[in-house]
PDB file of N, CA and C in Angstrom:
ATOM      1  N   MET A   1      15.314  32.727  18.643  1.00  0.00           N
ATOM      2  CA  MET A   1      15.942  31.434  18.503  1.00  0.00           C
ATOM      3  C   MET A   1      14.897  30.325  18.398  1.00  0.00           C
ATOM      4  N   PHE A   2      14.026  30.207  19.364  1.00  0.00           N
ATOM      5  CA  PHE A   2      13.002  29.184  19.273  1.00  0.00           C
ATOM      6  C   PHE A   2      11.607  29.759  19.319  1.00  0.00           C
ATOM      7  N   TYR A   3      11.529  31.080  19.260  1.00  0.00           N
ATOM      8  CA  TYR A   3      10.242  31.743  19.096  1.00  0.00           C
ATOM      9  C   TYR A   3      10.200  32.268  17.677  1.00  0.00           C
ATOM     10  N   GLU A   4       9.320  31.727  16.867  1.00  0.00           N
ATOM     11  CA  GLU A   4       9.274  32.134  15.464  1.00  0.00           C
ATOM     12  C   GLU A   4       8.736  33.547  15.297  1.00  0.00           C
ATOM     13  N   ASP A   5       7.832  33.959  16.176  1.00  0.00           N
ATOM     14  CA  ASP A   5       7.196  35.267  16.015  1.00  0.00           C
ATOM     15  C   ASP A   5       7.985  36.401  16.663  1.00  0.00           C
ATOM     16  N   GLU A   6       9.016  36.101  17.411  1.00  0.00           N
ATOM     17  CA  GLU A   6       9.813  37.139  18.065  1.00  0.00           C
ATOM     18  C   GLU A   6      11.241  37.090  17.542  1.00  0.00           C
ATOM     19  N   ARG A   7      11.778  38.233  17.227  1.00  0.00           N
ATOM     20  CA  ARG A   7      13.144  38.303  16.709  1.00  0.00           C
ATOM     21  C   ARG A   7      14.057  38.923  17.761  1.00  0.00           C
ATOM     22  N   TYR A   8      15.086  38.200  18.137  1.00  0.00           N
ATOM     23  CA  TYR A   8      16.090  38.683  19.086  1.00  0.00           C
ATOM     24  C   TYR A   8      17.460  38.528  18.451  1.00  0.00           C
ATOM     25  N   GLY A   9      18.395  39.249  18.978  1.00  0.00           N
ATOM     26  CA  GLY A   9      19.769  39.066  18.544  1.00  0.00           C
ATOM     27  C   GLY A   9      20.317  37.762  19.092  1.00  0.00           C
ATOM     28  N   HIS A  10      21.546  37.450  18.750  1.00  0.00           N
ATOM     29  CA  HIS A  10      22.123  36.183  19.192  1.00  0.00           C
ATOM     30  C   HIS A  10      22.607  36.246  20.643  1.00  0.00           C
ATOM     31  N   ILE A  11      22.690  37.439  21.224  1.00  0.00           N
ATOM     32  CA  ILE A  11      23.072  37.578  22.625  1.00  0.00           C
ATOM     33  C   ILE A  11      21.920  38.232  23.369  1.00  0.00           C
ATOM     34  N   ARG A  12      21.401  37.545  24.378  1.00  0.00           N
ATOM     35  CA  ARG A  12      20.295  38.078  25.164  1.00  0.00           C
ATOM     36  C   ARG A  12      20.199  37.305  26.471  1.00  0.00           C
ATOM     37  N   ASP A  13      19.458  37.851  27.407  1.00  0.00           N
ATOM     38  CA  ASP A  13      19.193  37.171  28.668  1.00  0.00           C
ATOM     39  C   ASP A  13      17.988  36.264  28.498  1.00  0.00           C
ATOM     40  N   TYR A  14      18.057  35.115  29.122  1.00  0.00           N
ATOM     41  CA  TYR A  14      16.946  34.168  29.116  1.00  0.00           C
ATOM     42  C   TYR A  14      16.406  34.029  30.527  1.00  0.00           C
ATOM     43  N   ASN A  15      15.112  33.804  30.642  1.00  0.00           N
ATOM     44  CA  ASN A  15      14.567  33.524  31.960  1.00  0.00           C
ATOM     45  C   ASN A  15      14.442  32.008  32.122  1.00  0.00           C
ATOM     46  N   PHE A  16      14.072  31.571  33.320  1.00  0.00           N
ATOM     47  CA  PHE A  16      14.035  30.145  33.613  1.00  0.00           C
ATOM     48  C   PHE A  16      13.046  29.405  32.719  1.00  0.00           C
ATOM     49  N   LYS A  17      11.881  29.971  32.475  1.00  0.00           N
ATOM     50  CA  LYS A  17      10.879  29.307  31.645  1.00  0.00           C
ATOM     51  C   LYS A  17      11.376  29.098  30.215  1.00  0.00           C
ATOM     52  N   GLU A  18      12.098  30.071  29.678  1.00  0.00           N
ATOM     53  CA  GLU A  18      12.632  29.935  28.324  1.00  0.00           C
ATOM     54  C   GLU A  18      13.693  28.835  28.257  1.00  0.00           C
ATOM     55  N   ILE A  19      14.553  28.783  29.249  1.00  0.00           N
ATOM     56  CA  ILE A  19      15.584  27.740  29.282  1.00  0.00           C
ATOM     57  C   ILE A  19      14.939  26.370  29.429  1.00  0.00           C
ATOM     58  N   GLU A  20      13.917  26.281  30.294  1.00  0.00           N
ATOM     59  CA  GLU A  20      13.203  25.024  30.479  1.00  0.00           C
ATOM     60  C   GLU A  20      12.568  24.561  29.165  1.00  0.00           C
ATOM     61  N   LYS A  21      11.954  25.471  28.446  1.00  0.00           N
ATOM     62  CA  LYS A  21      11.327  25.147  27.154  1.00  0.00           C
ATOM     63  C   LYS A  21      12.384  24.711  26.136  1.00  0.00           C
ATOM     64  N   LEU A  22      13.490  25.419  26.090  1.00  0.00           N
ATOM     65  CA  LEU A  22      14.569  25.086  25.160  1.00  0.00           C
ATOM     66  C   LEU A  22      15.138  23.701  25.451  1.00  0.00           C
ATOM     67  N   LEU A  23      15.384  23.409  26.720  1.00  0.00           N
ATOM     68  CA  LEU A  23      15.900  22.094  27.091  1.00  0.00           C
ATOM     69  C   LEU A  23      14.920  20.987  26.721  1.00  0.00           C
ATOM     70  N   ASN A  24      13.637  21.219  26.954  1.00  0.00           N
ATOM     71  CA  ASN A  24      12.619  20.222  26.590  1.00  0.00           C
ATOM     72  C   ASN A  24      12.552  20.002  25.082  1.00  0.00           C
ATOM     73  N   MET A  25      12.746  21.057  24.302  1.00  0.00           N
ATOM     74  CA  MET A  25      12.733  20.932  22.837  1.00  0.00           C
ATOM     75  C   MET A  25      13.823  19.980  22.349  1.00  0.00           C
ATOM     76  N   PHE A  26      14.947  19.949  23.069  1.00  0.00           N
ATOM     77  CA  PHE A  26      16.071  19.109  22.668  1.00  0.00           C
ATOM     78  C   PHE A  26      16.198  17.862  23.544  1.00  0.00           C
ATOM     79  N   ASN A  27      15.066  17.447  24.125  1.00  0.00           N
ATOM     80  CA  ASN A  27      14.965  16.203  24.890  1.00  0.00           C
ATOM     81  C   ASN A  27      15.884  16.139  26.106  1.00  0.00           C
ATOM     82  N   PHE A  28      15.954  17.227  26.846  1.00  0.00           N
ATOM     83  CA  PHE A  28      16.665  17.240  28.118  1.00  0.00           C
ATOM     84  C   PHE A  28      15.660  17.356  29.244  1.00  0.00           C
ATOM     85  N   GLN A  29      15.962  16.717  30.358  1.00  0.00           N
ATOM     86  CA  GLN A  29      15.125  16.790  31.549  1.00  0.00           C
ATOM     87  C   GLN A  29      15.909  17.523  32.629  1.00  0.00           C
ATOM     88  N   ILE A  30      15.271  18.497  33.261  1.00  0.00           N
ATOM     89  CA  ILE A  30      15.925  19.236  34.333  1.00  0.00           C
ATOM     90  C   ILE A  30      15.977  18.351  35.574  1.00  0.00           C
ATOM     91  N   VAL A  31      17.182  18.124  36.067  1.00  0.00           N
ATOM     92  CA  VAL A  31      17.399  17.302  37.252  1.00  0.00           C
ATOM     93  C   VAL A  31      17.356  18.173  38.502  1.00  0.00           C
ATOM     94  N   LYS A  32      18.002  19.327  38.427  1.00  0.00           N
ATOM     95  CA  LYS A  32      18.048  20.236  39.573  1.00  0.00           C
ATOM     96  C   LYS A  32      18.210  21.658  39.062  1.00  0.00           C
ATOM     97  N   SER A  33      17.581  22.592  39.756  1.00  0.00           N
ATOM     98  CA  SER A  33      17.773  24.005  39.421  1.00  0.00           C
ATOM     99  C   SER A  33      17.834  24.798  40.722  1.00  0.00           C
ATOM    100  N   CYS A  34      18.721  25.767  40.750  1.00  0.00           N
ATOM    101  CA  CYS A  34      18.901  26.593  41.948  1.00  0.00           C
ATOM    102  C   CYS A  34      19.568  27.906  41.537  1.00  0.00           C
ATOM    103  N   THR A  35      19.918  28.708  42.511  1.00  0.00           N
ATOM    104  CA  THR A  35      20.605  29.971  42.264  1.00  0.00           C
ATOM    105  C   THR A  35      21.813  30.064  43.177  1.00  0.00           C
ATOM    106  N   ASP A  36      22.688  31.000  42.893  1.00  0.00           N
ATOM    107  CA  ASP A  36      23.863  31.191  43.748  1.00  0.00           C
ATOM    108  C   ASP A  36      23.635  32.253  44.818  1.00  0.00           C
ATOM    109  N   GLY A  37      22.484  32.925  44.803  1.00  0.00           N
ATOM    110  CA  GLY A  37      22.189  33.964  45.786  1.00  0.00           C
ATOM    111  C   GLY A  37      22.286  35.350  45.172  1.00  0.00           C
ATOM    112  N   VAL A  38      22.204  36.355  46.021  1.00  0.00           N
ATOM    113  CA  VAL A  38      22.301  37.743  45.574  1.00  0.00           C
ATOM    114  C   VAL A  38      23.602  38.327  46.109  1.00  0.00           C
ATOM    115  N   TYR A  39      24.395  38.885  45.195  1.00  0.00           N
ATOM    116  CA  TYR A  39      25.691  39.459  45.544  1.00  0.00           C
ATOM    117  C   TYR A  39      25.690  40.960  45.312  1.00  0.00           C
ATOM    118  N   TYR A  40      26.467  41.651  46.110  1.00  0.00           N
ATOM    119  CA  TYR A  40      26.709  43.080  45.913  1.00  0.00           C
ATOM    120  C   TYR A  40      28.188  43.325  46.146  1.00  0.00           C
ATOM    121  N   LYS A  41      28.866  43.830  45.112  1.00  0.00           N
ATOM    122  CA  LYS A  41      30.311  44.057  45.160  1.00  0.00           C
ATOM    123  C   LYS A  41      31.052  42.813  45.643  1.00  0.00           C
ATOM    124  N   GLU A  42      30.735  41.685  45.022  1.00  0.00           N
ATOM    125  CA  GLU A  42      31.361  40.391  45.277  1.00  0.00           C
ATOM    126  C   GLU A  42      31.117  39.846  46.683  1.00  0.00           C
ATOM    127  N   LYS A  43      30.179  40.416  47.416  1.00  0.00           N
ATOM    128  CA  LYS A  43      29.851  39.934  48.750  1.00  0.00           C
ATOM    129  C   LYS A  43      28.440  39.355  48.725  1.00  0.00           C
ATOM    130  N   LEU A  44      28.283  38.147  49.287  1.00  0.00           N
ATOM    131  CA  LEU A  44      26.985  37.508  49.340  1.00  0.00           C
ATOM    132  C   LEU A  44      26.073  38.272  50.293  1.00  0.00           C
ATOM    133  N   MET A  45      24.981  38.803  49.762  1.00  0.00           N
ATOM    134  CA  MET A  45      24.043  39.575  50.577  1.00  0.00           C
ATOM    135  C   MET A  45      22.861  38.712  51.038  1.00  0.00           C
ATOM    136  N   VAL A  46      22.355  37.863  50.146  1.00  0.00           N
ATOM    137  CA  VAL A  46      21.221  36.999  50.474  1.00  0.00           C
ATOM    138  C   VAL A  46      21.560  35.590  49.994  1.00  0.00           C
ATOM    139  N   SER A  47      21.532  34.645  50.898  1.00  0.00           N
ATOM    140  CA  SER A  47      21.839  33.259  50.567  1.00  0.00           C
ATOM    141  C   SER A  47      20.756  32.663  49.670  1.00  0.00           C
ATOM    142  N   SER A  48      21.141  31.689  48.883  1.00  0.00           N
ATOM    143  CA  SER A  48      20.192  31.019  47.991  1.00  0.00           C
ATOM    144  C   SER A  48      19.118  30.250  48.765  1.00  0.00           C
ATOM    145  N   LYS A  49      19.341  29.998  50.026  1.00  0.00           N
ATOM    146  CA  LYS A  49      18.357  29.288  50.848  1.00  0.00           C
ATOM    147  C   LYS A  49      17.096  30.116  51.086  1.00  0.00           C
ATOM    148  N   PHE A  50      17.217  31.440  50.959  1.00  0.00           N
ATOM    149  CA  PHE A  50      16.124  32.336  51.338  1.00  0.00           C
ATOM    150  C   PHE A  50      15.398  32.998  50.168  1.00  0.00           C
ATOM    151  N   ILE A  51      15.779  32.674  48.941  1.00  0.00           N
ATOM    152  CA  ILE A  51      15.157  33.321  47.782  1.00  0.00           C
ATOM    153  C   ILE A  51      14.772  32.270  46.733  1.00  0.00           C
ATOM    154  N   PRO A  52      13.805  32.585  45.878  1.00  0.00           N
ATOM    155  CA  PRO A  52      13.475  31.663  44.786  1.00  0.00           C
ATOM    156  C   PRO A  52      14.602  31.606  43.760  1.00  0.00           C
ATOM    157  N   LYS A  53      14.673  30.509  43.039  1.00  0.00           N
ATOM    158  CA  LYS A  53      15.770  30.308  42.081  1.00  0.00           C
ATOM    159  C   LYS A  53      15.827  31.366  40.992  1.00  0.00           C
ATOM    160  N   THR A  54      14.707  31.985  40.680  1.00  0.00           N
ATOM    161  CA  THR A  54      14.682  32.977  39.606  1.00  0.00           C
ATOM    162  C   THR A  54      15.084  34.375  40.083  1.00  0.00           C
ATOM    163  N   PHE A  55      15.321  34.553  41.367  1.00  0.00           N
ATOM    164  CA  PHE A  55      15.642  35.869  41.896  1.00  0.00           C
ATOM    165  C   PHE A  55      17.142  36.105  42.059  1.00  0.00           C
ATOM    166  N   GLY A  56      17.926  35.063  42.096  1.00  0.00           N
ATOM    167  CA  GLY A  56      19.360  35.191  42.328  1.00  0.00           C
ATOM    168  C   GLY A  56      20.104  35.780  41.147  1.00  0.00           C
ATOM    169  N   ASP A  57      21.385  36.036  41.351  1.00  0.00           N
ATOM    170  CA  ASP A  57      22.217  36.596  40.287  1.00  0.00           C
ATOM    171  C   ASP A  57      22.412  35.624  39.132  1.00  0.00           C
ATOM    172  N   THR A  58      22.552  34.344  39.445  1.00  0.00           N
ATOM    173  CA  THR A  58      22.777  33.328  38.425  1.00  0.00           C
ATOM    174  C   THR A  58      21.857  32.141  38.673  1.00  0.00           C
ATOM    175  N   VAL A  59      21.178  31.676  37.636  1.00  0.00           N
ATOM    176  CA  VAL A  59      20.371  30.470  37.733  1.00  0.00           C
ATOM    177  C   VAL A  59      21.251  29.299  37.301  1.00  0.00           C
ATOM    178  N   ILE A  60      21.316  28.274  38.122  1.00  0.00           N
ATOM    179  CA  ILE A  60      22.138  27.103  37.851  1.00  0.00           C
ATOM    180  C   ILE A  60      21.201  25.942  37.543  1.00  0.00           C
ATOM    181  N   ILE A  61      21.382  25.331  36.379  1.00  0.00           N
ATOM    182  CA  ILE A  61      20.504  24.245  35.943  1.00  0.00           C
ATOM    183  C   ILE A  61      21.339  23.030  35.594  1.00  0.00           C
ATOM    184  N   LYS A  62      20.950  21.899  36.176  1.00  0.00           N
ATOM    185  CA  LYS A  62      21.559  20.621  35.826  1.00  0.00           C
ATOM    186  C   LYS A  62      20.524  19.838  35.036  1.00  0.00           C
ATOM    187  N   ALA A  63      20.866  19.446  33.812  1.00  0.00           N
ATOM    188  CA  ALA A  63      19.924  18.734  32.951  1.00  0.00           C
ATOM    189  C   ALA A  63      20.583  17.481  32.388  1.00  0.00           C
ATOM    190  N   ARG A  64      19.737  16.519  32.087  1.00  0.00           N
ATOM    191  CA  ARG A  64      20.198  15.240  31.559  1.00  0.00           C
ATOM    192  C   ARG A  64      19.403  14.891  30.310  1.00  0.00           C
ATOM    193  N   LYS A  65      20.060  14.305  29.342  1.00  0.00           N
ATOM    194  CA  LYS A  65      19.399  13.870  28.109  1.00  0.00           C
ATOM    195  C   LYS A  65      18.403  12.770  28.436  1.00  0.00           C
ATOM    196  N   LYS A  66      17.171  12.883  27.904  1.00  0.00           N
ATOM    197  CA  LYS A  66      16.128  11.875  28.161  1.00  0.00           C
ATOM    198  C   LYS A  66      16.437  10.584  27.455  1.00  0.00           C
TER     199      LYS A  66
END
């Protein structure tokens, strides 16, 4: 999508750095980023307070247009 030298399909997983780069390309500033924690069979196993944002099941990003 935004890497000219790498070809991916239209559906893929993105990591935090890729999302950050994509948002910056379109003039967005990240206001807050966090995770929802680690879940197993719909039960919260590790709270988001105890893990880095990139380790949780879902990365949550709030961004604002510059």
